[in-house]
Amino acid sequence: MSLDSLIEEIQRRSRTELAELLAQSAREESRIARERDERIASIRSEQERETQVEVARERAQRLAAAKLSARKKVYEARERRLRDSIGAASELLKEFTESDEYGAVLRRMVARAVEAFGRSARISGRAEDGPQLGKLAGKSFDPTPRAISGGIVAETADGKRRLNLSFDELLRLRENRVREILA
């Protein structure tokens, strides 16, 4: 073998090895690019899925908050309407104290107080009702005026028991029933 043929053989092997290395490098580069593209696609799809889940969660929270807010506003409006109605009922009771029937109501209240506590009961009411209560209760009448819209307050002689028949207290005690009627 001559030196030229040996050099030529070495060059041919080198070219073959270089071609194989280049081909292997291209395959490796292609494999790495394919894996990269698959990972990018996987990451994108995962991010899209997470984004959709987060958007759905956010939407559900906002919807729930809106429903809660709407229920709260309906409740507040209903409560405001009921308070206004109870206030109107209180005003009607105050107006009732000016009517002719009010005297008969006071008479029945005094009779109830005497029935509950006996003739020794102390009976008091509004300052405006003083003269009428004085006639109805007699010696049991306590002239100390009460800050009530109408009706009477009766106490035992020793002050241990009280029967509050004032319009304010009667309305307060029956507020739930009034709410049911008005609702």
N, C-alpha and C. Protein backbone atom coordinates (compact mmCIF):
# COMPACT_ATOMS: atom_id res chain seq x y z
N MET A 1 0.83 -1.16 0.00
CA MET A 1 0.00 0.00 0.00
C MET A 1 0.87 1.22 0.00
N SER A 2 0.48 2.01 -0.83
CA SER A 2 1.25 3.24 -0.94
C SER A 2 0.74 4.26 0.05
N LEU A 3 1.55 5.23 0.22
CA LEU A 3 1.23 6.29 1.16
C LEU A 3 0.00 7.06 0.69
N ASP A 4 -0.13 7.25 -0.54
CA ASP A 4 -1.29 7.98 -1.08
C ASP A 4 -2.58 7.19 -0.83
N SER A 5 -2.50 5.92 -1.03
CA SER A 5 -3.70 5.14 -0.83
C SER A 5 -4.04 5.09 0.66
N LEU A 6 -3.01 5.08 1.49
CA LEU A 6 -3.25 5.08 2.92
C LEU A 6 -3.89 6.41 3.33
N ILE A 7 -3.41 7.49 2.85
CA ILE A 7 -3.97 8.82 3.15
C ILE A 7 -5.40 8.88 2.63
N GLU A 8 -5.58 8.33 1.44
CA GLU A 8 -6.92 8.36 0.84
C GLU A 8 -7.87 7.51 1.68
N GLU A 9 -7.41 6.36 2.18
CA GLU A 9 -8.24 5.48 3.01
C GLU A 9 -8.58 6.20 4.32
N ILE A 10 -7.61 6.87 4.91
CA ILE A 10 -7.84 7.61 6.16
C ILE A 10 -8.84 8.73 5.91
N GLN A 11 -8.68 9.42 4.81
CA GLN A 11 -9.60 10.52 4.49
C GLN A 11 -11.01 9.98 4.24
N ARG A 12 -11.09 8.85 3.54
CA ARG A 12 -12.40 8.26 3.26
C ARG A 12 -13.05 7.83 4.59
N ARG A 13 -12.33 7.20 5.47
CA ARG A 13 -12.87 6.80 6.76
C ARG A 13 -13.27 8.04 7.57
N SER A 14 -12.43 9.04 7.50
CA SER A 14 -12.75 10.28 8.22
C SER A 14 -14.04 10.89 7.70
N ARG A 15 -14.18 10.91 6.38
CA ARG A 15 -15.41 11.47 5.79
C ARG A 15 -16.61 10.61 6.18
N THR A 16 -16.42 9.29 6.17
CA THR A 16 -17.52 8.40 6.54
C THR A 16 -17.89 8.62 8.02
N GLU A 17 -16.90 8.67 8.89
CA GLU A 17 -17.15 8.91 10.31
C GLU A 17 -17.77 10.28 10.52
N LEU A 18 -17.25 11.27 9.74
CA LEU A 18 -17.81 12.62 9.85
C LEU A 18 -19.26 12.63 9.40
N ALA A 19 -19.56 11.94 8.31
CA ALA A 19 -20.93 11.87 7.81
C ALA A 19 -21.83 11.19 8.84
N GLU A 20 -21.32 10.08 9.44
CA GLU A 20 -22.10 9.37 10.46
C GLU A 20 -22.31 10.27 11.68
N LEU A 21 -21.26 10.97 12.10
CA LEU A 21 -21.38 11.89 13.23
C LEU A 21 -22.36 13.02 12.93
N LEU A 22 -22.28 13.57 11.70
CA LEU A 22 -23.22 14.63 11.31
C LEU A 22 -24.64 14.10 11.28
N ALA A 23 -24.83 12.87 10.74
CA ALA A 23 -26.16 12.27 10.68
C ALA A 23 -26.68 12.02 12.10
N GLN A 24 -25.79 11.48 12.96
CA GLN A 24 -26.17 11.21 14.34
C GLN A 24 -26.50 12.52 15.05
N SER A 25 -25.72 13.54 14.80
CA SER A 25 -25.96 14.86 15.39
C SER A 25 -27.30 15.42 14.92
N ALA A 26 -27.59 15.26 13.62
CA ALA A 26 -28.86 15.74 13.08
C ALA A 26 -30.02 14.97 13.70
N ARG A 27 -29.85 13.64 13.85
CA ARG A 27 -30.91 12.84 14.48
C ARG A 27 -31.11 13.27 15.93
N GLU A 28 -30.01 13.47 16.63
CA GLU A 28 -30.08 13.90 18.03
C GLU A 28 -30.73 15.28 18.12
N GLU A 29 -30.34 16.17 17.24
CA GLU A 29 -30.92 17.51 17.21
C GLU A 29 -32.41 17.43 16.92
N SER A 30 -32.79 16.57 15.98
CA SER A 30 -34.20 16.38 15.62
C SER A 30 -34.97 15.81 16.81
N ARG A 31 -34.37 14.81 17.51
CA ARG A 31 -35.01 14.21 18.67
C ARG A 31 -35.20 15.25 19.78
N ILE A 32 -34.16 16.05 20.03
CA ILE A 32 -34.24 17.09 21.06
C ILE A 32 -35.30 18.12 20.68
N ALA A 33 -35.36 18.52 19.42
CA ALA A 33 -36.37 19.49 18.97
C ALA A 33 -37.76 18.90 19.13
N ARG A 34 -37.94 17.62 18.79
CA ARG A 34 -39.25 16.97 18.91
C ARG A 34 -39.67 16.90 20.38
N GLU A 35 -38.75 16.48 21.27
CA GLU A 35 -39.05 16.44 22.70
C GLU A 35 -39.39 17.83 23.23
N ARG A 36 -38.63 18.83 22.77
CA ARG A 36 -38.89 20.21 23.18
C ARG A 36 -40.29 20.62 22.75
N ASP A 37 -40.64 20.34 21.50
CA ASP A 37 -41.97 20.70 20.99
C ASP A 37 -43.07 19.97 21.75
N GLU A 38 -42.84 18.69 22.06
CA GLU A 38 -43.83 17.92 22.83
C GLU A 38 -43.99 18.51 24.23
N ARG A 39 -42.89 18.86 24.89
CA ARG A 39 -42.95 19.46 26.22
C ARG A 39 -43.65 20.80 26.18
N ILE A 40 -43.35 21.60 25.15
CA ILE A 40 -44.01 22.91 25.02
C ILE A 40 -45.51 22.71 24.82
N ALA A 41 -45.89 21.77 23.96
CA ALA A 41 -47.31 21.50 23.72
C ALA A 41 -47.98 21.00 25.00
N SER A 42 -47.28 20.13 25.74
CA SER A 42 -47.83 19.60 26.99
C SER A 42 -48.00 20.72 28.01
N ILE A 43 -46.99 21.56 28.12
CA ILE A 43 -47.07 22.69 29.07
C ILE A 43 -48.19 23.64 28.67
N ARG A 44 -48.32 23.92 27.38
CA ARG A 44 -49.40 24.82 26.93
C ARG A 44 -50.77 24.22 27.24
N SER A 45 -50.95 22.93 26.94
CA SER A 45 -52.26 22.33 27.19
C SER A 45 -52.56 22.30 28.69
N GLU A 46 -51.55 22.02 29.51
CA GLU A 46 -51.73 22.04 30.96
C GLU A 46 -52.09 23.44 31.44
N GLN A 47 -51.42 24.44 30.92
CA GLN A 47 -51.71 25.84 31.30
C GLN A 47 -53.12 26.23 30.86
N GLU A 48 -53.52 25.81 29.65
CA GLU A 48 -54.88 26.10 29.20
C GLU A 48 -55.91 25.44 30.11
N ARG A 49 -55.65 24.18 30.49
CA ARG A 49 -56.56 23.48 31.37
C ARG A 49 -56.63 24.18 32.74
N GLU A 50 -55.49 24.53 33.30
CA GLU A 50 -55.46 25.23 34.58
C GLU A 50 -56.15 26.59 34.49
N THR A 51 -55.95 27.26 33.38
CA THR A 51 -56.59 28.56 33.18
C THR A 51 -58.10 28.40 33.12
N GLN A 52 -58.57 27.37 32.40
CA GLN A 52 -60.01 27.13 32.32
C GLN A 52 -60.59 26.78 33.69
N VAL A 53 -59.86 25.98 34.45
CA VAL A 53 -60.32 25.64 35.80
C VAL A 53 -60.38 26.89 36.67
N GLU A 54 -59.35 27.72 36.59
CA GLU A 54 -59.32 28.95 37.40
C GLU A 54 -60.43 29.91 36.98
N VAL A 55 -60.65 30.01 35.67
CA VAL A 55 -61.72 30.89 35.17
C VAL A 55 -63.07 30.38 35.66
N ALA A 56 -63.28 29.06 35.59
CA ALA A 56 -64.54 28.48 36.06
C ALA A 56 -64.72 28.72 37.55
N ARG A 57 -63.65 28.56 38.31
CA ARG A 57 -63.72 28.80 39.75
C ARG A 57 -64.04 30.26 40.04
N GLU A 58 -63.36 31.15 39.35
CA GLU A 58 -63.60 32.59 39.54
C GLU A 58 -65.03 32.95 39.17
N ARG A 59 -65.51 32.39 38.07
CA ARG A 59 -66.88 32.65 37.62
C ARG A 59 -67.87 32.15 38.67
N ALA A 60 -67.63 30.95 39.20
CA ALA A 60 -68.52 30.41 40.22
C ALA A 60 -68.51 31.26 41.49
N GLN A 61 -67.34 31.74 41.88
CA GLN A 61 -67.25 32.59 43.08
C GLN A 61 -67.98 33.91 42.85
N ARG A 62 -67.80 34.48 41.67
CA ARG A 62 -68.49 35.75 41.39
C ARG A 62 -69.99 35.56 41.34
N LEU A 63 -70.42 34.45 40.74
CA LEU A 63 -71.85 34.17 40.67
C LEU A 63 -72.43 33.96 42.07
N ALA A 64 -71.71 33.21 42.90
CA ALA A 64 -72.17 32.99 44.27
C ALA A 64 -72.21 34.31 45.04
N ALA A 65 -71.21 35.13 44.85
CA ALA A 65 -71.18 36.44 45.54
C ALA A 65 -72.34 37.32 45.07
N ALA A 66 -72.62 37.27 43.77
CA ALA A 66 -73.73 38.07 43.23
C ALA A 66 -75.07 37.57 43.78
N LYS A 67 -75.23 36.25 43.86
CA LYS A 67 -76.47 35.70 44.41
C LYS A 67 -76.62 36.09 45.88
N LEU A 68 -75.53 35.98 46.63
CA LEU A 68 -75.57 36.35 48.04
C LEU A 68 -75.90 37.83 48.21
N SER A 69 -75.29 38.66 47.39
CA SER A 69 -75.56 40.09 47.44
C SER A 69 -77.02 40.38 47.11
N ALA A 70 -77.55 39.68 46.10
CA ALA A 70 -78.95 39.88 45.73
C ALA A 70 -79.88 39.45 46.87
N ARG A 71 -79.57 38.30 47.49
CA ARG A 71 -80.39 37.85 48.61
C ARG A 71 -80.32 38.83 49.77
N LYS A 72 -79.12 39.36 50.01
CA LYS A 72 -78.96 40.33 51.09
C LYS A 72 -79.78 41.58 50.81
N LYS A 73 -79.75 42.05 49.57
CA LYS A 73 -80.52 43.24 49.23
C LYS A 73 -82.02 42.99 49.33
N VAL A 74 -82.47 41.81 48.92
CA VAL A 74 -83.89 41.47 49.04
C VAL A 74 -84.27 41.42 50.52
N TYR A 75 -83.40 40.80 51.34
CA TYR A 75 -83.68 40.74 52.77
C TYR A 75 -83.73 42.13 53.38
N GLU A 76 -82.76 42.97 53.02
CA GLU A 76 -82.73 44.34 53.57
C GLU A 76 -83.96 45.12 53.13
N ALA A 77 -84.36 44.95 51.87
CA ALA A 77 -85.56 45.65 51.39
C ALA A 77 -86.80 45.16 52.13
N ARG A 78 -86.88 43.84 52.34
CA ARG A 78 -88.03 43.27 53.06
C ARG A 78 -88.04 43.78 54.50
N GLU A 79 -86.87 43.78 55.14
CA GLU A 79 -86.79 44.28 56.52
C GLU A 79 -87.16 45.76 56.59
N ARG A 80 -86.68 46.54 55.63
CA ARG A 80 -87.01 47.97 55.61
C ARG A 80 -88.52 48.16 55.45
N ARG A 81 -89.12 47.36 54.54
CA ARG A 81 -90.57 47.45 54.33
C ARG A 81 -91.31 47.05 55.59
N LEU A 82 -90.85 45.99 56.27
CA LEU A 82 -91.50 45.55 57.49
C LEU A 82 -91.36 46.58 58.61
N ARG A 83 -90.14 47.16 58.73
CA ARG A 83 -89.95 48.21 59.74
C ARG A 83 -90.87 49.40 59.46
N ASP A 84 -90.97 49.76 58.18
CA ASP A 84 -91.85 50.87 57.82
C ASP A 84 -93.31 50.53 58.14
N SER A 85 -93.68 49.28 57.87
CA SER A 85 -95.06 48.85 58.15
C SER A 85 -95.33 48.82 59.64
N ILE A 86 -94.36 48.34 60.42
CA ILE A 86 -94.53 48.32 61.87
C ILE A 86 -94.57 49.75 62.41
N GLY A 87 -93.74 50.63 61.83
CA GLY A 87 -93.79 52.04 62.21
C GLY A 87 -95.15 52.65 61.88
N ALA A 88 -95.70 52.27 60.72
CA ALA A 88 -97.03 52.77 60.34
C ALA A 88 -98.08 52.23 61.30
N ALA A 89 -97.94 50.97 61.70
CA ALA A 89 -98.89 50.40 62.66
C ALA A 89 -98.80 51.14 64.00
N SER A 90 -97.59 51.47 64.41
CA SER A 90 -97.40 52.23 65.63
C SER A 90 -98.07 53.61 65.51
N GLU A 91 -97.91 54.23 64.37
CA GLU A 91 -98.57 55.54 64.15
C GLU A 91 -100.09 55.40 64.19
N LEU A 92 -100.60 54.32 63.61
CA LEU A 92 -102.05 54.09 63.65
C LEU A 92 -102.54 53.91 65.09
N LEU A 93 -101.72 53.23 65.90
CA LEU A 93 -102.10 53.07 67.31
C LEU A 93 -102.10 54.41 68.03
N LYS A 94 -101.13 55.26 67.69
CA LYS A 94 -101.10 56.61 68.30
C LYS A 94 -102.34 57.40 67.88
N GLU A 95 -102.72 57.26 66.62
CA GLU A 95 -103.93 57.95 66.15
C GLU A 95 -105.17 57.38 66.83
N PHE A 96 -105.13 56.07 67.12
CA PHE A 96 -106.26 55.41 67.77
C PHE A 96 -106.53 56.02 69.15
N THR A 97 -105.48 56.52 69.79
CA THR A 97 -105.67 57.10 71.13
C THR A 97 -106.55 58.34 71.08
N GLU A 98 -106.73 58.91 69.92
CA GLU A 98 -107.58 60.09 69.77
C GLU A 98 -109.03 59.71 69.45
N SER A 99 -109.28 58.44 69.20
CA SER A 99 -110.63 58.03 68.80
C SER A 99 -111.52 57.80 70.03
N ASP A 100 -112.81 57.66 69.75
CA ASP A 100 -113.79 57.43 70.82
C ASP A 100 -113.66 56.01 71.40
N GLU A 101 -113.23 55.05 70.60
CA GLU A 101 -113.11 53.65 71.05
C GLU A 101 -111.97 53.46 72.05
N TYR A 102 -111.06 54.40 72.10
CA TYR A 102 -109.89 54.26 72.97
C TYR A 102 -110.31 54.17 74.44
N GLY A 103 -111.33 54.90 74.83
CA GLY A 103 -111.81 54.85 76.22
C GLY A 103 -112.27 53.45 76.61
N ALA A 104 -112.94 52.77 75.68
CA ALA A 104 -113.40 51.40 75.96
C ALA A 104 -112.21 50.45 76.10
N VAL A 105 -111.17 50.67 75.30
CA VAL A 105 -109.97 49.84 75.38
C VAL A 105 -109.29 50.06 76.74
N LEU A 106 -109.18 51.31 77.17
CA LEU A 106 -108.59 51.59 78.48
C LEU A 106 -109.40 50.92 79.59
N ARG A 107 -110.71 50.97 79.48
CA ARG A 107 -111.58 50.36 80.48
C ARG A 107 -111.31 48.85 80.57
N ARG A 108 -111.17 48.19 79.41
CA ARG A 108 -110.89 46.74 79.41
C ARG A 108 -109.49 46.46 79.97
N MET A 109 -108.53 47.33 79.68
CA MET A 109 -107.18 47.14 80.19
C MET A 109 -107.15 47.28 81.71
N VAL A 110 -107.84 48.27 82.24
CA VAL A 110 -107.91 48.45 83.69
C VAL A 110 -108.58 47.24 84.32
N ALA A 111 -109.65 46.75 83.71
CA ALA A 111 -110.35 45.58 84.25
C ALA A 111 -109.42 44.37 84.25
N ARG A 112 -108.62 44.19 83.22
CA ARG A 112 -107.66 43.07 83.14
C ARG A 112 -106.60 43.21 84.24
N ALA A 113 -106.12 44.44 84.46
CA ALA A 113 -105.10 44.66 85.50
C ALA A 113 -105.68 44.37 86.88
N VAL A 114 -106.89 44.80 87.14
CA VAL A 114 -107.54 44.55 88.43
C VAL A 114 -107.78 43.05 88.60
N GLU A 115 -108.15 42.38 87.52
CA GLU A 115 -108.36 40.93 87.56
C GLU A 115 -107.05 40.20 87.89
N ALA A 116 -105.94 40.69 87.34
CA ALA A 116 -104.65 40.04 87.54
C ALA A 116 -104.05 40.35 88.90
N PHE A 117 -104.15 41.61 89.35
CA PHE A 117 -103.46 42.03 90.58
C PHE A 117 -104.39 42.45 91.72
N GLY A 118 -105.66 42.52 91.48
CA GLY A 118 -106.60 42.95 92.51
C GLY A 118 -106.72 44.48 92.53
N ARG A 119 -107.56 44.97 93.44
CA ARG A 119 -107.84 46.42 93.51
C ARG A 119 -106.63 47.22 94.00
N SER A 120 -105.64 46.54 94.55
CA SER A 120 -104.48 47.26 95.08
C SER A 120 -103.43 47.55 93.99
N ALA A 121 -103.69 47.15 92.78
CA ALA A 121 -102.73 47.37 91.68
C ALA A 121 -102.55 48.87 91.44
N ARG A 122 -101.33 49.27 91.14
CA ARG A 122 -101.06 50.67 90.76
C ARG A 122 -101.13 50.73 89.25
N ILE A 123 -101.94 51.62 88.72
CA ILE A 123 -102.16 51.72 87.28
C ILE A 123 -101.71 53.09 86.82
N SER A 124 -100.87 53.10 85.78
CA SER A 124 -100.41 54.37 85.24
C SER A 124 -100.45 54.31 83.71
N GLY A 125 -100.34 55.47 83.11
CA GLY A 125 -100.40 55.56 81.65
C GLY A 125 -99.82 56.88 81.18
N ARG A 126 -100.23 57.29 80.00
CA ARG A 126 -99.76 58.56 79.45
C ARG A 126 -100.33 59.72 80.26
N ALA A 127 -99.66 60.85 80.18
CA ALA A 127 -100.16 62.05 80.88
C ALA A 127 -101.51 62.45 80.31
N GLU A 128 -101.69 62.28 78.99
CA GLU A 128 -102.96 62.65 78.35
C GLU A 128 -104.13 61.79 78.84
N ASP A 129 -103.82 60.56 79.27
CA ASP A 129 -104.86 59.64 79.73
C ASP A 129 -105.12 59.76 81.22
N GLY A 130 -104.38 60.60 81.92
CA GLY A 130 -104.49 60.73 83.38
C GLY A 130 -105.90 60.93 83.88
N PRO A 131 -106.64 61.92 83.38
CA PRO A 131 -108.00 62.14 83.92
C PRO A 131 -108.91 60.92 83.73
N GLN A 132 -108.83 60.30 82.54
CA GLN A 132 -109.68 59.16 82.27
C GLN A 132 -109.27 57.95 83.12
N LEU A 133 -107.96 57.72 83.25
CA LEU A 133 -107.48 56.60 84.08
C LEU A 133 -107.81 56.84 85.56
N GLY A 134 -107.78 58.10 85.97
CA GLY A 134 -108.13 58.43 87.36
C GLY A 134 -109.57 58.01 87.66
N LYS A 135 -110.46 58.24 86.71
CA LYS A 135 -111.87 57.85 86.91
C LYS A 135 -112.02 56.33 86.88
N LEU A 136 -111.29 55.67 85.93
CA LEU A 136 -111.44 54.22 85.78
C LEU A 136 -110.79 53.45 86.92
N ALA A 137 -109.61 53.86 87.36
CA ALA A 137 -108.84 53.11 88.36
C ALA A 137 -109.11 53.57 89.78
N GLY A 138 -109.59 54.76 89.93
CA GLY A 138 -109.88 55.27 91.28
C GLY A 138 -108.59 55.46 92.07
N LYS A 139 -108.58 54.89 93.30
CA LYS A 139 -107.42 55.06 94.18
C LYS A 139 -106.18 54.32 93.65
N SER A 140 -106.37 53.37 92.76
CA SER A 140 -105.25 52.60 92.21
C SER A 140 -104.45 53.41 91.19
N PHE A 141 -104.96 54.55 90.79
CA PHE A 141 -104.29 55.34 89.75
C PHE A 141 -102.99 55.95 90.28
N ASP A 142 -101.91 55.75 89.52
CA ASP A 142 -100.60 56.35 89.82
C ASP A 142 -100.42 57.49 88.82
N PRO A 143 -100.39 58.75 89.29
CA PRO A 143 -100.35 59.89 88.36
C PRO A 143 -99.00 60.09 87.66
N THR A 144 -98.01 59.26 87.98
CA THR A 144 -96.71 59.41 87.31
C THR A 144 -96.88 59.04 85.83
N PRO A 145 -96.63 59.99 84.91
CA PRO A 145 -96.85 59.69 83.49
C PRO A 145 -95.79 58.73 82.94
N ARG A 146 -96.21 57.89 82.03
CA ARG A 146 -95.33 56.93 81.36
C ARG A 146 -95.07 57.40 79.93
N ALA A 147 -93.88 57.11 79.43
CA ALA A 147 -93.52 57.47 78.06
C ALA A 147 -93.94 56.34 77.13
N ILE A 148 -95.25 56.22 76.95
CA ILE A 148 -95.80 55.19 76.07
C ILE A 148 -96.73 55.85 75.08
N SER A 149 -97.06 55.11 74.00
CA SER A 149 -97.92 55.71 72.99
C SER A 149 -99.40 55.52 73.31
N GLY A 150 -99.72 54.66 74.23
CA GLY A 150 -101.11 54.43 74.62
C GLY A 150 -101.18 53.18 75.47
N GLY A 151 -102.34 52.98 76.15
CA GLY A 151 -102.50 51.81 76.99
C GLY A 151 -102.15 52.11 78.43
N ILE A 152 -101.89 51.05 79.22
CA ILE A 152 -101.58 51.24 80.64
C ILE A 152 -100.42 50.33 81.04
N VAL A 153 -99.86 50.64 82.20
CA VAL A 153 -98.88 49.78 82.85
C VAL A 153 -99.39 49.60 84.28
N ALA A 154 -99.53 48.33 84.68
CA ALA A 154 -100.03 48.03 86.03
C ALA A 154 -98.95 47.28 86.79
N GLU A 155 -98.87 47.57 88.11
CA GLU A 155 -97.91 46.91 88.98
C GLU A 155 -98.62 46.48 90.25
N THR A 156 -98.07 45.45 90.85
CA THR A 156 -98.60 45.06 92.16
C THR A 156 -98.22 46.14 93.17
N ALA A 157 -98.86 46.11 94.32
CA ALA A 157 -98.61 47.13 95.33
C ALA A 157 -97.16 47.11 95.80
N ASP A 158 -96.55 45.91 95.85
CA ASP A 158 -95.16 45.83 96.28
C ASP A 158 -94.18 46.07 95.13
N GLY A 159 -94.66 46.19 93.91
CA GLY A 159 -93.81 46.49 92.75
C GLY A 159 -93.04 45.30 92.21
N LYS A 160 -93.37 44.10 92.66
CA LYS A 160 -92.62 42.92 92.21
C LYS A 160 -93.10 42.38 90.87
N ARG A 161 -94.33 42.62 90.54
CA ARG A 161 -94.87 42.13 89.26
C ARG A 161 -95.43 43.29 88.47
N ARG A 162 -95.31 43.18 87.15
CA ARG A 162 -95.78 44.26 86.28
C ARG A 162 -96.54 43.66 85.11
N LEU A 163 -97.60 44.34 84.74
CA LEU A 163 -98.38 43.96 83.57
C LEU A 163 -98.33 45.17 82.63
N ASN A 164 -97.57 45.02 81.55
CA ASN A 164 -97.39 46.13 80.61
C ASN A 164 -98.35 45.94 79.45
N LEU A 165 -99.41 46.72 79.46
CA LEU A 165 -100.40 46.68 78.38
C LEU A 165 -100.30 47.92 77.50
N SER A 166 -99.11 48.49 77.44
CA SER A 166 -98.93 49.66 76.58
C SER A 166 -98.93 49.21 75.12
N PHE A 167 -99.36 50.09 74.24
CA PHE A 167 -99.39 49.76 72.81
C PHE A 167 -97.99 49.41 72.31
N ASP A 168 -96.99 50.11 72.84
CA ASP A 168 -95.61 49.85 72.41
C ASP A 168 -95.21 48.40 72.73
N GLU A 169 -95.49 47.99 73.96
CA GLU A 169 -95.11 46.64 74.39
C GLU A 169 -95.95 45.58 73.69
N LEU A 170 -97.23 45.84 73.54
CA LEU A 170 -98.09 44.87 72.85
C LEU A 170 -97.65 44.68 71.40
N LEU A 171 -97.28 45.77 70.75
CA LEU A 171 -96.79 45.67 69.37
C LEU A 171 -95.45 44.93 69.34
N ARG A 172 -94.58 45.22 70.30
CA ARG A 172 -93.28 44.54 70.34
C ARG A 172 -93.46 43.04 70.57
N LEU A 173 -94.35 42.68 71.49
CA LEU A 173 -94.58 41.27 71.79
C LEU A 173 -95.17 40.52 70.60
N ARG A 174 -95.93 41.21 69.80
CA ARG A 174 -96.58 40.56 68.66
C ARG A 174 -95.92 40.92 67.33
N GLU A 175 -94.69 41.42 67.42
CA GLU A 175 -93.98 41.85 66.20
C GLU A 175 -93.80 40.69 65.22
N ASN A 176 -93.47 39.52 65.72
CA ASN A 176 -93.31 38.37 64.82
C ASN A 176 -94.61 38.04 64.09
N ARG A 177 -95.71 38.08 64.81
CA ARG A 177 -97.00 37.81 64.17
C ARG A 177 -97.32 38.90 63.15
N VAL A 178 -97.04 40.14 63.49
CA VAL A 178 -97.27 41.25 62.56
C VAL A 178 -96.39 41.08 61.32
N ARG A 179 -95.15 40.64 61.53
CA ARG A 179 -94.25 40.39 60.40
C ARG A 179 -94.81 39.30 59.49
N GLU A 180 -95.35 38.24 60.09
CA GLU A 180 -95.95 37.17 59.29
C GLU A 180 -97.12 37.68 58.47
N ILE A 181 -97.93 38.51 59.08
CA ILE A 181 -99.09 39.05 58.36
C ILE A 181 -98.64 39.96 57.23
N LEU A 182 -97.64 40.79 57.49
CA LEU A 182 -97.18 41.76 56.49
C LEU A 182 -96.31 41.13 55.40
N ALA A 183 -95.69 39.99 55.70
CA ALA A 183 -94.79 39.37 54.71
C ALA A 183 -95.54 38.67 53.64
